[in-house]
Amino acid sequence: MLGPWLLYDVQQDPYQMRNLVEAASHLPIRDQLARELRSWYTRLDEPCLAGVEMARRCGRLEEVEQLLMEVRKLIGGNPKAVADLDDYLKQGGDRPNRRF
């Protein structure tokens, strides 16, 4: 699964401006959804790999590396953004807020 977790209350926030995934009031919902998702991965015998590892196994790593080179060019003047990208890649392309 790629990308960060998103959880919105579309009735109260129809424009999805406030991500509630880390809100204490929504932790039970987030945890329930994580259990359901983990259950589906288990039933389907899906490995649920981090982004870069999934690209590697699917034979798409070269494309990902080319994209990362372009991203590095775009953020090259921002040392914090470069450090964040490096940290992300050290984690195998996984997101720190992933709850598995």
PDB file of N, CA and C in Angstrom:
ATOM      1  N   MET A   1       0.841  -1.163   0.000  1.00  0.00           N
ATOM      2  CA  MET A   1       0.000   0.000   0.000  1.00  0.00           C
ATOM      3  C   MET A   1       0.889   1.230   0.000  1.00  0.00           C
ATOM      4  N   LEU A   2       0.611   2.169  -0.878  1.00  0.00           N
ATOM      5  CA  LEU A   2       1.406   3.373  -0.973  1.00  0.00           C
ATOM      6  C   LEU A   2       0.676   4.546  -0.349  1.00  0.00           C
ATOM      7  N   GLY A   3       1.490   5.459   0.106  1.00  0.00           N
ATOM      8  CA  GLY A   3       0.951   6.702   0.593  1.00  0.00           C
ATOM      9  C   GLY A   3       0.522   6.674   2.027  1.00  0.00           C
ATOM     10  N   PRO A   4       0.255   7.860   2.561  1.00  0.00           N
ATOM     11  CA  PRO A   4      -0.154   7.952   3.957  1.00  0.00           C
ATOM     12  C   PRO A   4      -1.604   7.544   4.138  1.00  0.00           C
ATOM     13  N   TRP A   5      -1.944   7.213   5.370  1.00  0.00           N
ATOM     14  CA  TRP A   5      -3.338   6.894   5.682  1.00  0.00           C
ATOM     15  C   TRP A   5      -4.155   8.168   5.705  1.00  0.00           C
ATOM     16  N   LEU A   6      -5.382   8.059   5.220  1.00  0.00           N
ATOM     17  CA  LEU A   6      -6.303   9.188   5.208  1.00  0.00           C
ATOM     18  C   LEU A   6      -7.619   8.748   5.831  1.00  0.00           C
ATOM     19  N   LEU A   7      -8.178   9.599   6.678  1.00  0.00           N
ATOM     20  CA  LEU A   7      -9.461   9.315   7.304  1.00  0.00           C
ATOM     21  C   LEU A   7     -10.213  10.634   7.438  1.00  0.00           C
ATOM     22  N   TYR A   8     -11.313  10.747   6.736  1.00  0.00           N
ATOM     23  CA  TYR A   8     -12.096  11.979   6.745  1.00  0.00           C
ATOM     24  C   TYR A   8     -13.517  11.705   7.183  1.00  0.00           C
ATOM     25  N   ASP A   9     -14.124  12.693   7.810  1.00  0.00           N
ATOM     26  CA  ASP A   9     -15.549  12.672   8.111  1.00  0.00           C
ATOM     27  C   ASP A   9     -16.212  13.470   6.995  1.00  0.00           C
ATOM     28  N   VAL A  10     -16.669  12.772   5.972  1.00  0.00           N
ATOM     29  CA  VAL A  10     -17.164  13.476   4.776  1.00  0.00           C
ATOM     30  C   VAL A  10     -18.490  14.186   5.016  1.00  0.00           C
ATOM     31  N   GLN A  11     -19.189  13.855   6.092  1.00  0.00           N
ATOM     32  CA  GLN A  11     -20.410  14.600   6.419  1.00  0.00           C
ATOM     33  C   GLN A  11     -20.063  15.952   7.040  1.00  0.00           C
ATOM     34  N   GLN A  12     -19.101  15.962   7.954  1.00  0.00           N
ATOM     35  CA  GLN A  12     -18.695  17.204   8.607  1.00  0.00           C
ATOM     36  C   GLN A  12     -17.651  17.981   7.803  1.00  0.00           C
ATOM     37  N   ASP A  13     -16.897  17.279   6.959  1.00  0.00           N
ATOM     38  CA  ASP A  13     -15.788  17.871   6.212  1.00  0.00           C
ATOM     39  C   ASP A  13     -15.840  17.391   4.752  1.00  0.00           C
ATOM     40  N   PRO A  14     -16.870  17.829   4.002  1.00  0.00           N
ATOM     41  CA  PRO A  14     -17.057  17.305   2.644  1.00  0.00           C
ATOM     42  C   PRO A  14     -15.899  17.619   1.690  1.00  0.00           C
ATOM     43  N   TYR A  15     -15.107  18.635   1.997  1.00  0.00           N
ATOM     44  CA  TYR A  15     -13.979  18.986   1.137  1.00  0.00           C
ATOM     45  C   TYR A  15     -12.685  18.303   1.586  1.00  0.00           C
ATOM     46  N   GLN A  16     -12.787  17.437   2.572  1.00  0.00           N
ATOM     47  CA  GLN A  16     -11.664  16.641   3.072  1.00  0.00           C
ATOM     48  C   GLN A  16     -10.442  17.511   3.359  1.00  0.00           C
ATOM     49  N   MET A  17     -10.648  18.468   4.222  1.00  0.00           N
ATOM     50  CA  MET A  17      -9.580  19.398   4.588  1.00  0.00           C
ATOM     51  C   MET A  17      -8.825  18.950   5.843  1.00  0.00           C
ATOM     52  N   ARG A  18      -9.442  18.098   6.670  1.00  0.00           N
ATOM     53  CA  ARG A  18      -8.817  17.701   7.930  1.00  0.00           C
ATOM     54  C   ARG A  18      -8.692  16.183   7.998  1.00  0.00           C
ATOM     55  N   ASN A  19      -7.469  15.700   7.925  1.00  0.00           N
ATOM     56  CA  ASN A  19      -7.196  14.271   8.035  1.00  0.00           C
ATOM     57  C   ASN A  19      -7.288  13.886   9.510  1.00  0.00           C
ATOM     58  N   LEU A  20      -8.190  12.983   9.844  1.00  0.00           N
ATOM     59  CA  LEU A  20      -8.444  12.595  11.227  1.00  0.00           C
ATOM     60  C   LEU A  20      -7.716  11.331  11.655  1.00  0.00           C
ATOM     61  N   VAL A  21      -6.825  10.824  10.830  1.00  0.00           N
ATOM     62  CA  VAL A  21      -6.203   9.530  11.107  1.00  0.00           C
ATOM     63  C   VAL A  21      -5.422   9.524  12.419  1.00  0.00           C
ATOM     64  N   GLU A  22      -4.882  10.652  12.835  1.00  0.00           N
ATOM     65  CA  GLU A  22      -4.128  10.715  14.092  1.00  0.00           C
ATOM     66  C   GLU A  22      -4.934  11.328  15.237  1.00  0.00           C
ATOM     67  N   ALA A  23      -6.168  11.728  14.967  1.00  0.00           N
ATOM     68  CA  ALA A  23      -6.993  12.342  16.012  1.00  0.00           C
ATOM     69  C   ALA A  23      -7.402  11.287  17.043  1.00  0.00           C
ATOM     70  N   ALA A  24      -7.205  11.607  18.318  1.00  0.00           N
ATOM     71  CA  ALA A  24      -7.527  10.657  19.398  1.00  0.00           C
ATOM     72  C   ALA A  24      -8.984  10.189  19.315  1.00  0.00           C
ATOM     73  N   SER A  25      -9.864  11.073  18.909  1.00  0.00           N
ATOM     74  CA  SER A  25     -11.285  10.728  18.824  1.00  0.00           C
ATOM     75  C   SER A  25     -11.577   9.670  17.753  1.00  0.00           C
ATOM     76  N   HIS A  26     -10.655   9.504  16.810  1.00  0.00           N
ATOM     77  CA  HIS A  26     -10.884   8.574  15.708  1.00  0.00           C
ATOM     78  C   HIS A  26      -9.964   7.348  15.723  1.00  0.00           C
ATOM     79  N   LEU A  27      -9.189   7.198  16.780  1.00  0.00           N
ATOM     80  CA  LEU A  27      -8.292   6.045  16.867  1.00  0.00           C
ATOM     81  C   LEU A  27      -9.031   4.708  16.807  1.00  0.00           C
ATOM     82  N   PRO A  28     -10.169   4.564  17.491  1.00  0.00           N
ATOM     83  CA  PRO A  28     -10.882   3.274  17.399  1.00  0.00           C
ATOM     84  C   PRO A  28     -11.316   2.938  15.967  1.00  0.00           C
ATOM     85  N   ILE A  29     -11.773   3.928  15.224  1.00  0.00           N
ATOM     86  CA  ILE A  29     -12.191   3.704  13.838  1.00  0.00           C
ATOM     87  C   ILE A  29     -10.981   3.323  12.993  1.00  0.00           C
ATOM     88  N   ARG A  30      -9.890   4.074  13.150  1.00  0.00           N
ATOM     89  CA  ARG A  30      -8.675   3.786  12.394  1.00  0.00           C
ATOM     90  C   ARG A  30      -8.172   2.375  12.686  1.00  0.00           C
ATOM     91  N   ASP A  31      -8.163   2.006  13.960  1.00  0.00           N
ATOM     92  CA  ASP A  31      -7.673   0.677  14.332  1.00  0.00           C
ATOM     93  C   ASP A  31      -8.571  -0.428  13.787  1.00  0.00           C
ATOM     94  N   GLN A  32      -9.887  -0.191  13.799  1.00  0.00           N
ATOM     95  CA  GLN A  32     -10.819  -1.174  13.236  1.00  0.00           C
ATOM     96  C   GLN A  32     -10.579  -1.340  11.732  1.00  0.00           C
ATOM     97  N   LEU A  33     -10.408  -0.235  11.027  1.00  0.00           N
ATOM     98  CA  LEU A  33     -10.149  -0.306   9.591  1.00  0.00           C
ATOM     99  C   LEU A  33      -8.817  -0.994   9.300  1.00  0.00           C
ATOM    100  N   ALA A  34      -7.812  -0.744  10.135  1.00  0.00           N
ATOM    101  CA  ALA A  34      -6.511  -1.398   9.955  1.00  0.00           C
ATOM    102  C   ALA A  34      -6.645  -2.907  10.135  1.00  0.00           C
ATOM    103  N   ARG A  35      -7.422  -3.334  11.131  1.00  0.00           N
ATOM    104  CA  ARG A  35      -7.638  -4.781  11.341  1.00  0.00           C
ATOM    105  C   ARG A  35      -8.337  -5.395  10.132  1.00  0.00           C
ATOM    106  N   GLU A  36      -9.349  -4.712   9.616  1.00  0.00           N
ATOM    107  CA  GLU A  36     -10.071  -5.228   8.444  1.00  0.00           C
ATOM    108  C   GLU A  36      -9.145  -5.322   7.233  1.00  0.00           C
ATOM    109  N   LEU A  37      -8.330  -4.307   7.025  1.00  0.00           N
ATOM    110  CA  LEU A  37      -7.412  -4.319   5.887  1.00  0.00           C
ATOM    111  C   LEU A  37      -6.383  -5.441   6.032  1.00  0.00           C
ATOM    112  N   ARG A  38      -5.825  -5.578   7.232  1.00  0.00           N
ATOM    113  CA  ARG A  38      -4.860  -6.649   7.493  1.00  0.00           C
ATOM    114  C   ARG A  38      -5.504  -8.012   7.243  1.00  0.00           C
ATOM    115  N   SER A  39      -6.767  -8.146   7.630  1.00  0.00           N
ATOM    116  CA  SER A  39      -7.501  -9.388   7.417  1.00  0.00           C
ATOM    117  C   SER A  39      -7.635  -9.698   5.921  1.00  0.00           C
ATOM    118  N   TRP A  40      -7.926  -8.670   5.123  1.00  0.00           N
ATOM    119  CA  TRP A  40      -8.027  -8.881   3.672  1.00  0.00           C
ATOM    120  C   TRP A  40      -6.691  -9.291   3.085  1.00  0.00           C
ATOM    121  N   TYR A  41      -5.620  -8.638   3.515  1.00  0.00           N
ATOM    122  CA  TYR A  41      -4.290  -9.017   3.026  1.00  0.00           C
ATOM    123  C   TYR A  41      -3.991 -10.478   3.361  1.00  0.00           C
ATOM    124  N   THR A  42      -4.371 -10.903   4.550  1.00  0.00           N
ATOM    125  CA  THR A  42      -4.141 -12.289   4.958  1.00  0.00           C
ATOM    126  C   THR A  42      -4.968 -13.247   4.106  1.00  0.00           C
ATOM    127  N   ARG A  43      -6.254 -12.940   3.944  1.00  0.00           N
ATOM    128  CA  ARG A  43      -7.129 -13.817   3.153  1.00  0.00           C
ATOM    129  C   ARG A  43      -6.679 -13.937   1.708  1.00  0.00           C
ATOM    130  N   LEU A  44      -6.171 -12.851   1.157  1.00  0.00           N
ATOM    131  CA  LEU A  44      -5.747 -12.850  -0.241  1.00  0.00           C
ATOM    132  C   LEU A  44      -4.295 -13.271  -0.416  1.00  0.00           C
ATOM    133  N   ASP A  45      -3.641 -13.582   0.696  1.00  0.00           N
ATOM    134  CA  ASP A  45      -2.232 -13.965   0.687  1.00  0.00           C
ATOM    135  C   ASP A  45      -1.389 -12.904  -0.019  1.00  0.00           C
ATOM    136  N   GLU A  46      -1.673 -11.660   0.291  1.00  0.00           N
ATOM    137  CA  GLU A  46      -0.975 -10.511  -0.281  1.00  0.00           C
ATOM    138  C   GLU A  46       0.094 -10.064   0.714  1.00  0.00           C
ATOM    139  N   PRO A  47       1.325  -9.844   0.281  1.00  0.00           N
ATOM    140  CA  PRO A  47       2.391  -9.555   1.234  1.00  0.00           C
ATOM    141  C   PRO A  47       2.347  -8.176   1.890  1.00  0.00           C
ATOM    142  N   CYS A  48       1.597  -7.223   1.360  1.00  0.00           N
ATOM    143  CA  CYS A  48       1.511  -5.878   1.933  1.00  0.00           C
ATOM    144  C   CYS A  48       2.905  -5.278   2.123  1.00  0.00           C
ATOM    145  N   LEU A  49       3.605  -5.109   1.047  1.00  0.00           N
ATOM    146  CA  LEU A  49       4.979  -4.624   1.079  1.00  0.00           C
ATOM    147  C   LEU A  49       5.043  -3.105   1.027  1.00  0.00           C
ATOM    148  N   ALA A  50       6.170  -2.571   1.487  1.00  0.00           N
ATOM    149  CA  ALA A  50       6.417  -1.137   1.377  1.00  0.00           C
ATOM    150  C   ALA A  50       6.559  -0.767  -0.096  1.00  0.00           C
ATOM    151  N   GLY A  51       6.367   0.507  -0.400  1.00  0.00           N
ATOM    152  CA  GLY A  51       6.318   0.980  -1.771  1.00  0.00           C
ATOM    153  C   GLY A  51       7.493   0.599  -2.647  1.00  0.00           C
ATOM    154  N   VAL A  52       8.712   0.872  -2.204  1.00  0.00           N
ATOM    155  CA  VAL A  52       9.884   0.589  -3.017  1.00  0.00           C
ATOM    156  C   VAL A  52      10.067  -0.914  -3.192  1.00  0.00           C
ATOM    157  N   GLU A  53       9.838  -1.680  -2.134  1.00  0.00           N
ATOM    158  CA  GLU A  53       9.966  -3.139  -2.243  1.00  0.00           C
ATOM    159  C   GLU A  53       8.918  -3.705  -3.201  1.00  0.00           C
ATOM    160  N   MET A  54       7.707  -3.182  -3.180  1.00  0.00           N
ATOM    161  CA  MET A  54       6.663  -3.635  -4.102  1.00  0.00           C
ATOM    162  C   MET A  54       7.077  -3.336  -5.542  1.00  0.00           C
ATOM    163  N   ALA A  55       7.631  -2.142  -5.788  1.00  0.00           N
ATOM    164  CA  ALA A  55       8.104  -1.791  -7.133  1.00  0.00           C
ATOM    165  C   ALA A  55       9.202  -2.746  -7.573  1.00  0.00           C
ATOM    166  N   ARG A  56      10.096  -3.090  -6.661  1.00  0.00           N
ATOM    167  CA  ARG A  56      11.183  -4.019  -6.976  1.00  0.00           C
ATOM    168  C   ARG A  56      10.613  -5.374  -7.397  1.00  0.00           C
ATOM    169  N   ARG A  57       9.676  -5.895  -6.635  1.00  0.00           N
ATOM    170  CA  ARG A  57       9.114  -7.216  -6.929  1.00  0.00           C
ATOM    171  C   ARG A  57       8.274  -7.226  -8.201  1.00  0.00           C
ATOM    172  N   CYS A  58       7.696  -6.082  -8.544  1.00  0.00           N
ATOM    173  CA  CYS A  58       6.875  -6.001  -9.756  1.00  0.00           C
ATOM    174  C   CYS A  58       7.714  -5.670 -10.990  1.00  0.00           C
ATOM    175  N   GLY A  59       9.025  -5.517 -10.809  1.00  0.00           N
ATOM    176  CA  GLY A  59       9.887  -5.201 -11.940  1.00  0.00           C
ATOM    177  C   GLY A  59       9.794  -3.760 -12.382  1.00  0.00           C
ATOM    178  N   ARG A  60       9.362  -2.865 -11.491  1.00  0.00           N
ATOM    179  CA  ARG A  60       9.199  -1.449 -11.843  1.00  0.00           C
ATOM    180  C   ARG A  60      10.193  -0.549 -11.118  1.00  0.00           C
ATOM    181  N   LEU A  61      11.209  -1.130 -10.507  1.00  0.00           N
ATOM    182  CA  LEU A  61      12.136  -0.344  -9.700  1.00  0.00           C
ATOM    183  C   LEU A  61      12.868   0.709 -10.534  1.00  0.00           C
ATOM    184  N   GLU A  62      13.226   0.372 -11.775  1.00  0.00           N
ATOM    185  CA  GLU A  62      13.926   1.337 -12.626  1.00  0.00           C
ATOM    186  C   GLU A  62      13.079   2.591 -12.834  1.00  0.00           C
ATOM    187  N   GLU A  63      11.779   2.419 -13.052  1.00  0.00           N
ATOM    188  CA  GLU A  63      10.897   3.571 -13.228  1.00  0.00           C
ATOM    189  C   GLU A  63      10.822   4.399 -11.950  1.00  0.00           C
ATOM    190  N   VAL A  64      10.763   3.725 -10.818  1.00  0.00           N
ATOM    191  CA  VAL A  64      10.718   4.434  -9.538  1.00  0.00           C
ATOM    192  C   VAL A  64      12.010   5.221  -9.331  1.00  0.00           C
ATOM    193  N   GLU A  65      13.142   4.613  -9.641  1.00  0.00           N
ATOM    194  CA  GLU A  65      14.420   5.302  -9.480  1.00  0.00           C
ATOM    195  C   GLU A  65      14.515   6.528 -10.382  1.00  0.00           C
ATOM    196  N   GLN A  66      13.985   6.439 -11.603  1.00  0.00           N
ATOM    197  CA  GLN A  66      13.988   7.600 -12.501  1.00  0.00           C
ATOM    198  C   GLN A  66      13.108   8.715 -11.927  1.00  0.00           C
ATOM    199  N   LEU A  67      11.966   8.331 -11.394  1.00  0.00           N
ATOM    200  CA  LEU A  67      11.081   9.315 -10.774  1.00  0.00           C
ATOM    201  C   LEU A  67      11.750   9.968  -9.567  1.00  0.00           C
ATOM    202  N   LEU A  68      12.446   9.170  -8.771  1.00  0.00           N
ATOM    203  CA  LEU A  68      13.143   9.715  -7.611  1.00  0.00           C
ATOM    204  C   LEU A  68      14.242  10.695  -8.021  1.00  0.00           C
ATOM    205  N   MET A  69      14.911  10.427  -9.127  1.00  0.00           N
ATOM    206  CA  MET A  69      15.920  11.362  -9.630  1.00  0.00           C
ATOM    207  C   MET A  69      15.274  12.704  -9.976  1.00  0.00           C
ATOM    208  N   GLU A  70      14.093  12.650 -10.592  1.00  0.00           N
ATOM    209  CA  GLU A  70      13.375  13.887 -10.927  1.00  0.00           C
ATOM    210  C   GLU A  70      12.938  14.630  -9.666  1.00  0.00           C
ATOM    211  N   VAL A  71      12.485  13.876  -8.689  1.00  0.00           N
ATOM    212  CA  VAL A  71      12.077  14.495  -7.417  1.00  0.00           C
ATOM    213  C   VAL A  71      13.275  15.167  -6.766  1.00  0.00           C
ATOM    214  N   ARG A  72      14.419  14.499  -6.774  1.00  0.00           N
ATOM    215  CA  ARG A  72      15.631  15.081  -6.189  1.00  0.00           C
ATOM    216  C   ARG A  72      15.994  16.402  -6.878  1.00  0.00           C
ATOM    217  N   LYS A  73      15.822  16.467  -8.203  1.00  0.00           N
ATOM    218  CA  LYS A  73      16.101  17.712  -8.924  1.00  0.00           C
ATOM    219  C   LYS A  73      15.167  18.825  -8.446  1.00  0.00           C
ATOM    220  N   LEU A  74      13.898  18.475  -8.246  1.00  0.00           N
ATOM    221  CA  LEU A  74      12.911  19.471  -7.842  1.00  0.00           C
ATOM    222  C   LEU A  74      13.144  19.988  -6.428  1.00  0.00           C
ATOM    223  N   ILE A  75      13.583  19.099  -5.534  1.00  0.00           N
ATOM    224  CA  ILE A  75      13.733  19.494  -4.136  1.00  0.00           C
ATOM    225  C   ILE A  75      15.176  19.753  -3.751  1.00  0.00           C
ATOM    226  N   GLY A  76      16.075  19.712  -4.720  1.00  0.00           N
ATOM    227  CA  GLY A  76      17.507  19.843  -4.444  1.00  0.00           C
ATOM    228  C   GLY A  76      17.882  21.053  -3.613  1.00  0.00           C
ATOM    229  N   GLY A  77      17.156  22.138  -3.729  1.00  0.00           N
ATOM    230  CA  GLY A  77      17.465  23.345  -2.969  1.00  0.00           C
ATOM    231  C   GLY A  77      16.887  23.342  -1.570  1.00  0.00           C
ATOM    232  N   ASN A  78      16.225  22.273  -1.192  1.00  0.00           N
ATOM    233  CA  ASN A  78      15.591  22.204   0.123  1.00  0.00           C
ATOM    234  C   ASN A  78      16.195  21.037   0.903  1.00  0.00           C
ATOM    235  N   PRO A  79      17.198  21.308   1.746  1.00  0.00           N
ATOM    236  CA  PRO A  79      17.882  20.220   2.459  1.00  0.00           C
ATOM    237  C   PRO A  79      16.946  19.364   3.313  1.00  0.00           C
ATOM    238  N   LYS A  80      15.929  19.967   3.929  1.00  0.00           N
ATOM    239  CA  LYS A  80      15.007  19.187   4.756  1.00  0.00           C
ATOM    240  C   LYS A  80      14.217  18.215   3.894  1.00  0.00           C
ATOM    241  N   ALA A  81      13.768  18.661   2.732  1.00  0.00           N
ATOM    242  CA  ALA A  81      13.010  17.788   1.837  1.00  0.00           C
ATOM    243  C   ALA A  81      13.883  16.638   1.346  1.00  0.00           C
ATOM    244  N   VAL A  82      15.146  16.912   1.054  1.00  0.00           N
ATOM    245  CA  VAL A  82      16.067  15.854   0.628  1.00  0.00           C
ATOM    246  C   VAL A  82      16.262  14.849   1.760  1.00  0.00           C
ATOM    247  N   ALA A  83      16.445  15.351   2.989  1.00  0.00           N
ATOM    248  CA  ALA A  83      16.619  14.463   4.147  1.00  0.00           C
ATOM    249  C   ALA A  83      15.360  13.622   4.371  1.00  0.00           C
ATOM    250  N   ASP A  84      14.185  14.228   4.213  1.00  0.00           N
ATOM    251  CA  ASP A  84      12.924  13.484   4.371  1.00  0.00           C
ATOM    252  C   ASP A  84      12.816  12.382   3.319  1.00  0.00           C
ATOM    253  N   LEU A  85      13.193  12.695   2.082  1.00  0.00           N
ATOM    254  CA  LEU A  85      13.159  11.691   1.021  1.00  0.00           C
ATOM    255  C   LEU A  85      14.132  10.556   1.332  1.00  0.00           C
ATOM    256  N   ASP A  86      15.317  10.898   1.791  1.00  0.00           N
ATOM    257  CA  ASP A  86      16.298   9.865   2.144  1.00  0.00           C
ATOM    258  C   ASP A  86      15.778   8.976   3.271  1.00  0.00           C
ATOM    259  N   ASP A  87      15.164   9.581   4.278  1.00  0.00           N
ATOM    260  CA  ASP A  87      14.587   8.792   5.377  1.00  0.00           C
ATOM    261  C   ASP A  87      13.495   7.861   4.865  1.00  0.00           C
ATOM    262  N   TYR A  88      12.658   8.388   3.987  1.00  0.00           N
ATOM    263  CA  TYR A  88      11.580   7.596   3.403  1.00  0.00           C
ATOM    264  C   TYR A  88      12.144   6.374   2.679  1.00  0.00           C
ATOM    265  N   LEU A  89      13.207   6.588   1.910  1.00  0.00           N
ATOM    266  CA  LEU A  89      13.797   5.489   1.151  1.00  0.00           C
ATOM    267  C   LEU A  89      14.527   4.497   2.050  1.00  0.00           C
ATOM    268  N   LYS A  90      15.124   4.969   3.131  1.00  0.00           N
ATOM    269  CA  LYS A  90      15.779   4.062   4.083  1.00  0.00           C
ATOM    270  C   LYS A  90      14.765   3.114   4.712  1.00  0.00           C
ATOM    271  N   GLN A  91      13.519   3.569   4.816  1.00  0.00           N
ATOM    272  CA  GLN A  91      12.455   2.731   5.365  1.00  0.00           C
ATOM    273  C   GLN A  91      11.880   1.811   4.294  1.00  0.00           C
ATOM    274  N   GLY A  92      12.480   1.797   3.140  1.00  0.00           N
ATOM    275  CA  GLY A  92      12.012   0.944   2.061  1.00  0.00           C
ATOM    276  C   GLY A  92      10.845   1.525   1.299  1.00  0.00           C
ATOM    277  N   GLY A  93      10.628   2.836   1.428  1.00  0.00           N
ATOM    278  CA  GLY A  93       9.506   3.461   0.743  1.00  0.00           C
ATOM    279  C   GLY A  93       8.226   3.335   1.534  1.00  0.00           C
ATOM    280  N   ASP A  94       8.353   3.073   2.812  1.00  0.00           N
ATOM    281  CA  ASP A  94       7.191   2.932   3.672  1.00  0.00           C
ATOM    282  C   ASP A  94       6.892   4.281   4.323  1.00  0.00           C
ATOM    283  N   ARG A  95       5.663   4.470   4.700  1.00  0.00           N
ATOM    284  CA  ARG A  95       5.258   5.698   5.366  1.00  0.00           C
ATOM    285  C   ARG A  95       5.310   5.520   6.876  1.00  0.00           C
ATOM    286  N   PRO A  96       5.787   6.526   7.608  1.00  0.00           N
ATOM    287  CA  PRO A  96       5.895   6.369   9.045  1.00  0.00           C
ATOM    288  C   PRO A  96       4.549   6.255   9.751  1.00  0.00           C
ATOM    289  N   ASN A  97       3.462   6.730   9.155  1.00  0.00           N
ATOM    290  CA  ASN A  97       2.185   6.650   9.848  1.00  0.00           C
ATOM    291  C   ASN A  97       1.378   5.414   9.456  1.00  0.00           C
ATOM    292  N   ARG A  98       2.015   4.483   8.806  1.00  0.00           N
ATOM    293  CA  ARG A  98       1.342   3.243   8.440  1.00  0.00           C
ATOM    294  C   ARG A  98       1.158   2.382   9.679  1.00  0.00           C
ATOM    295  N   ARG A  99       0.006   1.819   9.885  1.00  0.00           N
ATOM    296  CA  ARG A  99      -0.325   1.166  11.141  1.00  0.00           C
ATOM    297  C   ARG A  99      -0.395  -0.342  11.047  1.00  0.00           C
ATOM    298  N   PHE A 100       0.552  -0.990  10.392  1.00  0.00           N
ATOM    299  CA  PHE A 100       0.535  -2.441  10.292  1.00  0.00           C
ATOM    300  C   PHE A 100       1.493  -3.028  11.269  1.00  0.00           C
TER     301      PHE A 100
END
